[in-house]
Protein backbone atom coordinates (compact mmCIF):
# COMPACT_ATOMS: atom_id res chain seq x y z
CA MET A 1 134.72 55.40 113.99
CA ALA A 2 137.68 55.76 111.64
CA ALA A 3 138.36 58.93 109.68
CA ALA A 4 139.79 58.29 106.24
CA LYS A 5 140.58 60.67 103.44
CA TRP A 6 138.34 60.05 100.46
CA THR A 7 137.49 62.12 97.43
CA CYS A 8 133.99 62.15 95.97
CA GLU A 9 133.88 64.03 92.68
CA ALA A 10 130.57 65.15 91.21
CA GLN A 11 129.70 63.51 87.88
CA PRO A 12 127.51 64.77 85.01
CA PHE A 13 123.89 63.97 85.94
CA ALA A 14 120.42 65.49 85.77
CA ILE A 15 120.01 67.92 88.66
CA SER A 16 116.46 66.83 89.53
CA THR A 17 113.61 64.40 88.95
CA PRO A 18 109.91 65.30 88.82
CA ILE A 19 109.29 62.62 91.48
CA ALA A 20 108.32 64.48 94.64
CA GLU A 21 110.08 63.95 97.96
CA ALA A 22 112.53 61.24 96.88
CA SER A 23 113.04 58.99 99.90
CA GLY A 24 114.49 55.73 98.58
CA ALA A 25 116.16 54.19 95.53
CA ALA A 26 116.83 50.60 94.48
CA TRP A 27 118.43 48.96 91.47
CA THR A 28 116.19 47.26 88.94
CA GLU A 29 116.20 46.39 85.26
CA PHE A 30 113.98 48.48 83.03
CA ARG A 31 113.63 47.97 79.30
CA GLY A 32 116.76 45.86 79.24
CA LYS A 33 119.00 48.29 81.14
CA PRO A 34 119.99 48.85 84.77
CA ALA A 35 117.90 51.62 86.30
CA LEU A 36 117.08 53.22 89.63
CA PHE A 37 113.59 52.76 91.06
CA VAL A 38 112.90 55.87 93.16
CA ILE A 39 110.00 56.09 95.63
CA SER A 40 108.24 59.20 96.99
CA ASP A 41 107.67 60.08 100.63
CA SER A 42 104.27 60.50 102.31
CA GLY A 43 101.47 62.50 100.70
CA ASN A 44 102.24 61.25 97.19
CA ASN A 45 100.17 58.05 97.10
CA GLY A 46 103.07 55.71 96.37
CA ALA A 47 104.42 57.66 93.40
CA TYR A 48 107.60 56.26 91.89
CA GLY A 49 109.94 57.00 89.01
CA ILE A 50 112.50 55.12 86.95
CA ILE A 51 115.78 56.97 86.51
CA ASP A 52 118.53 56.32 83.99
CA PRO A 53 121.70 55.92 86.12
CA ASP A 54 123.93 57.33 83.39
CA SER A 55 122.10 60.54 82.48
CA GLY A 56 119.69 60.99 85.39
CA ASP A 57 116.73 61.22 83.01
CA THR A 58 113.39 60.12 84.50
CA VAL A 59 112.21 57.62 81.88
CA ALA A 60 108.95 56.42 83.48
CA GLN A 61 106.58 57.21 86.34
CA GLY A 62 103.78 55.39 88.14
CA LYS A 63 102.04 54.76 91.47
CA LEU A 64 101.96 51.75 93.77
CA GLU A 65 98.82 50.20 95.18
CA ASP A 66 97.70 51.10 98.69
CA GLY A 67 99.42 48.67 101.05
CA GLY A 68 97.11 49.48 103.93
CA ARG A 69 99.81 51.14 106.03
CA GLY A 70 99.79 54.62 104.57
CA ASP A 71 102.11 56.00 101.92
CA ASP A 72 105.07 57.07 104.06
CA TYR A 73 107.55 55.04 102.02
CA GLU A 74 111.03 55.71 103.33
CA GLY A 75 113.31 53.20 101.64
CA VAL A 76 113.58 50.53 98.95
CA ALA A 77 116.17 47.81 98.27
CA ALA A 78 116.54 45.05 95.68
CA ARG A 79 117.04 41.37 96.43
CA GLY A 80 116.25 38.19 94.53
CA GLY A 81 114.51 39.93 91.65
CA LYS A 82 112.18 41.91 93.90
CA ILE A 83 112.26 45.38 95.36
CA TRP A 84 111.46 45.62 99.06
CA ALA A 85 109.87 48.78 100.45
CA ILE A 86 109.68 49.93 104.06
CA VAL A 87 107.32 52.49 105.59
CA SER A 88 108.30 54.58 108.59
CA SER A 89 105.92 52.77 110.94
CA GLY A 90 107.85 49.51 110.55
CA TYR A 91 106.15 47.50 107.82
CA ALA A 92 107.83 46.12 104.70
CA GLY A 93 106.64 44.43 101.52
CA ALA A 94 107.78 43.27 98.11
CA ILE A 95 107.35 45.19 94.88
CA THR A 96 107.23 43.05 91.74
CA ARG A 97 107.38 44.06 88.10
CA ASP A 98 104.98 43.24 85.29
CA GLY A 99 106.41 44.64 82.10
CA ASP A 100 106.92 48.34 82.67
CA ALA A 101 104.59 48.42 85.71
CA PHE A 102 105.47 47.82 89.37
CA HIS A 103 103.06 46.38 91.93
CA LEU A 104 103.16 46.31 95.74
CA GLY A 105 102.36 43.15 97.69
CA ALA A 106 101.19 42.81 101.28
CA LEU A 107 103.09 44.66 103.98
CA ALA A 108 104.26 42.78 107.08
CA PRO A 109 105.77 44.03 110.35
CA VAL A 110 109.57 43.97 110.52
CA GLY A 111 109.51 43.10 114.21
CA GLY A 112 107.58 43.11 117.46
CA GLU A 113 106.05 45.96 119.41
CA ASP A 114 109.46 47.53 119.98
CA MET A 115 109.94 47.84 116.21
CA VAL A 116 106.47 48.62 114.87
CA CYS A 117 104.07 51.50 115.52
CA LYS A 118 100.78 50.49 117.09
CA HIS A 119 98.75 52.72 114.81
CA LYS A 120 98.55 52.58 111.02
CA THR A 121 100.91 55.37 110.05
CA GLY A 122 103.24 57.99 111.45
CA ASN A 123 106.85 58.74 112.31
CA CYS A 124 106.73 56.84 115.58
CA GLY A 125 108.67 53.97 117.14
CA ARG A 126 111.99 53.47 115.37
CA ASN A 127 110.85 55.80 112.57
CA PHE A 128 112.47 53.75 109.82
CA GLU A 129 114.09 55.84 107.08
CA GLY A 130 115.67 53.24 104.83
CA ILE A 131 116.30 49.62 103.99
CA CYS A 132 119.29 47.91 102.37
CA LEU A 133 119.69 44.25 101.36
CA ASP A 134 122.61 42.10 100.25
CA ASP A 135 121.73 40.90 96.74
CA ARG A 136 124.81 38.70 96.29
CA PRO A 137 123.69 35.05 95.93
CA GLY A 138 124.65 32.92 98.92
CA LYS A 139 126.65 35.66 100.64
CA HIS A 140 124.36 36.56 103.54
CA THR A 141 125.89 34.41 106.29
CA GLY A 142 124.98 36.98 108.95
CA CYS A 143 122.56 39.82 108.38
CA ALA A 144 120.64 39.79 105.10
CA GLY A 145 120.63 43.57 105.27
CA PHE A 146 119.53 46.41 107.52
CA ALA A 147 116.66 48.73 108.38
CA ALA A 148 117.77 52.30 109.08
CA SER A 149 116.22 53.97 112.14
CA LYS A 150 115.99 57.74 112.22
CA ALA A 151 114.88 57.67 115.86
CA ASP A 152 118.21 56.42 117.19
CA GLY A 153 120.65 56.54 114.25
CA LYS A 154 121.14 52.78 114.11
CA LEU A 155 121.11 50.13 111.37
CA TYR A 156 119.15 47.09 112.60
CA CYS A 157 120.15 43.66 111.31
CA LEU A 158 117.50 42.03 109.11
CA HIS A 159 116.91 38.28 108.86
CA GLU A 160 114.87 36.56 106.17
CA GLN A 161 111.91 34.84 107.80
CA ASN A 162 108.74 33.35 106.31
CA GLY A 163 109.10 35.24 103.06
CA THR A 164 109.76 38.64 104.59
CA TYR A 165 112.45 40.41 106.65
CA VAL A 166 112.52 40.77 110.42
CA ALA A 167 114.70 43.21 112.36
CA ASP A 168 116.80 42.03 115.30
CA GLY A 169 116.55 44.65 118.03
CA GLU A 170 119.64 43.24 119.77
CA ARG A 171 121.96 43.46 116.75
CA ALA A 172 122.55 46.92 115.35
CA ILE A 173 125.28 49.21 114.07
CA ASP A 174 125.34 52.58 115.81
CA VAL A 175 126.08 54.91 112.90
CA THR A 176 125.17 58.45 113.90
CA ALA A 177 123.11 60.66 116.20
CA PRO A 178 119.33 60.42 116.54
CA LYS A 179 117.36 62.13 113.72
CA HIS A 180 120.40 62.10 111.40
CA LEU A 181 120.32 58.70 109.67
CA ALA A 182 118.57 58.82 106.27
CA ASP A 183 119.29 55.66 104.27
CA CYS A 184 121.63 52.75 103.59
CA ALA A 185 122.78 50.72 100.58
CA ILE A 186 124.82 47.55 100.01
CA GLY A 187 126.95 47.58 96.87
CA GLU A 188 127.48 44.60 94.59
CA ASP A 189 130.92 44.16 96.20
CA GLY A 190 129.27 43.73 99.61
CA THR A 191 130.26 47.10 101.06
CA LEU A 192 127.63 48.75 103.25
CA TRP A 193 127.06 52.48 102.89
CA ALA A 194 124.94 54.81 105.02
CA GLY A 195 123.96 58.42 104.56
CA ALA A 196 122.87 61.19 106.88
CA ASN A 197 120.32 63.87 106.09
CA ILE A 198 120.88 67.62 106.25
CA LEU A 199 120.68 67.53 110.07
CA GLY A 200 123.69 65.23 109.96
CA GLY A 201 125.53 67.34 107.39
CA ASN A 202 124.69 64.94 104.51
CA LEU A 203 127.58 62.80 105.72
CA LEU A 204 128.37 59.55 103.91
CA TYR A 205 129.65 56.49 105.78
CA ARG A 206 131.32 53.32 104.51
CA ILE A 207 130.94 50.22 106.70
CA GLU A 208 132.93 46.98 106.48
CA SER A 209 132.58 43.66 108.36
CA TRP A 210 128.90 44.42 108.84
CA GLU A 211 127.79 40.76 108.71
CA ASP A 212 128.41 40.73 112.46
CA PRO A 213 127.25 44.17 113.65
CA ALA A 214 129.42 43.94 116.77
CA ARG A 215 132.52 43.86 114.54
CA ALA A 216 131.44 46.48 112.03
CA ARG A 217 134.03 49.10 111.08
CA ILE A 218 132.67 52.53 110.13
CA THR A 219 134.58 55.05 108.05
CA GLU A 220 133.26 58.59 107.75
CA ILE A 221 133.76 59.67 104.13
CA GLY A 222 132.56 63.25 104.60
CA PRO A 223 129.68 65.42 103.36
CA VAL A 224 128.41 63.91 100.10
CA GLY A 225 124.94 64.96 99.05
CA ILE A 226 122.59 67.65 97.85
CA GLY A 227 119.74 69.50 99.56
CA ASN A 228 118.28 67.35 102.32
CA ALA A 229 119.88 64.10 101.15
CA GLU A 230 117.57 61.22 102.09
CA VAL A 231 118.64 58.62 99.52
CA VAL A 232 121.81 56.58 99.03
CA ALA A 233 122.32 54.27 96.06
CA VAL A 234 125.64 52.72 95.06
CA ARG A 235 127.05 50.96 92.01
CA GLY A 236 130.78 50.23 92.09
CA ASP A 237 132.56 53.46 93.06
CA VAL A 238 129.60 55.62 92.05
CA VAL A 239 127.32 57.02 94.74
CA TYR A 240 123.92 58.59 94.07
CA ARG A 241 122.18 60.91 96.51
CA LEU A 242 118.66 62.31 96.15
CA SER A 243 117.02 65.03 98.21
CA ASP A 244 113.64 65.23 99.95
CA THR A 245 112.65 68.85 100.50
CA ASP A 246 108.90 68.26 100.90
CA GLY A 247 107.94 68.82 97.28
CA ALA A 248 108.75 68.41 93.61
CA PRO A 249 111.13 68.27 91.91
CA SER A 250 113.65 66.30 93.95
CA LEU A 251 117.29 67.30 93.61
CA MET A 252 119.80 64.62 92.56
CA ALA A 253 123.59 64.27 92.44
CA LYS A 254 126.02 61.58 91.32
CA PHE A 255 129.55 61.17 92.69
CA ARG A 256 132.56 58.98 92.01
CA CYS A 257 134.20 58.15 95.34
CA SER A 258 137.63 56.69 96.00
CA PRO A 259 140.33 56.77 98.68
CA ALA A 260 142.48 59.86 98.35
CA THR A 261 145.98 59.24 97.00
CA ARG A 262 148.92 60.86 98.71
C-alpha cells in the first residue's frame, strides 16, 4: 500500500441528520437536483433520508418495504437509474423511485454458501458492510463494482448476472484488517474509494486500477471521518462521511480532498 500526502479540508455542512444509524449513501436525483439517499442500519425498519449534498439538510424521509431478509441494510450504490442495497447477510436488491417515494424490490443472494448467511439475518459470513458500483456507461470491463466485507477487510468483485450482482470470492482487494472496513464508493471519474470505521481509525483509502483486483493500487489518504464513520460517498474531489453510533441523529461531515502541494 502506498502512502501519499493528501489534504482533506472540512467543508460547511449540517453536522447531523435525523436518520438513525446511517450505514450507506448513494447518489440519486430528487426534485430535479442531485441528492444523497441515506439508509439506516438494523432496528429501524428500512428508514431512509434524502440529504441535500450542498447544505446537508435532510429534505425527505421514508421507509422501505420489508425485503424478507431483515432490515440490517449496510450499503447502497447507484447504477443505471436504480439504487442497489445490500444487507449484512449477503443479499442485495434494487430500490426504484416513484415520484418522491422509494421502493425496494426482491433481494437475491450475492453469491454461494461462502458468501451468504444460511439464516435470514445477522452479522455472519462475510458480514457485508457496503456496496459500490461503477455507474459510468460502458466502462465496466472488469468488475462492475464491489461488496465490502467487514469480516475480512476485503472488497469482493461484483459481476452483473441475471439482473442482479454476484460476488466473485476469488477476486478481491485486500484493503484493511478484519472488522475495520465500513464502506466503498466509486466516483464519476472511476476512482474507487474505501473507508474504515472507528476501529480502523476512520481511515480513507483511494484505489486505482481496480478493474483487475490483482493489479489494484491502494493509497492511504489518512483519517477522514466523524464519529464511527460507516459511510463513504464521493462526488468529484468532495468526500462525505456519515457516522453510525447506534442511534439518532447520525453525525455527518463533508471534506474536499486533494493531493498535498509541496
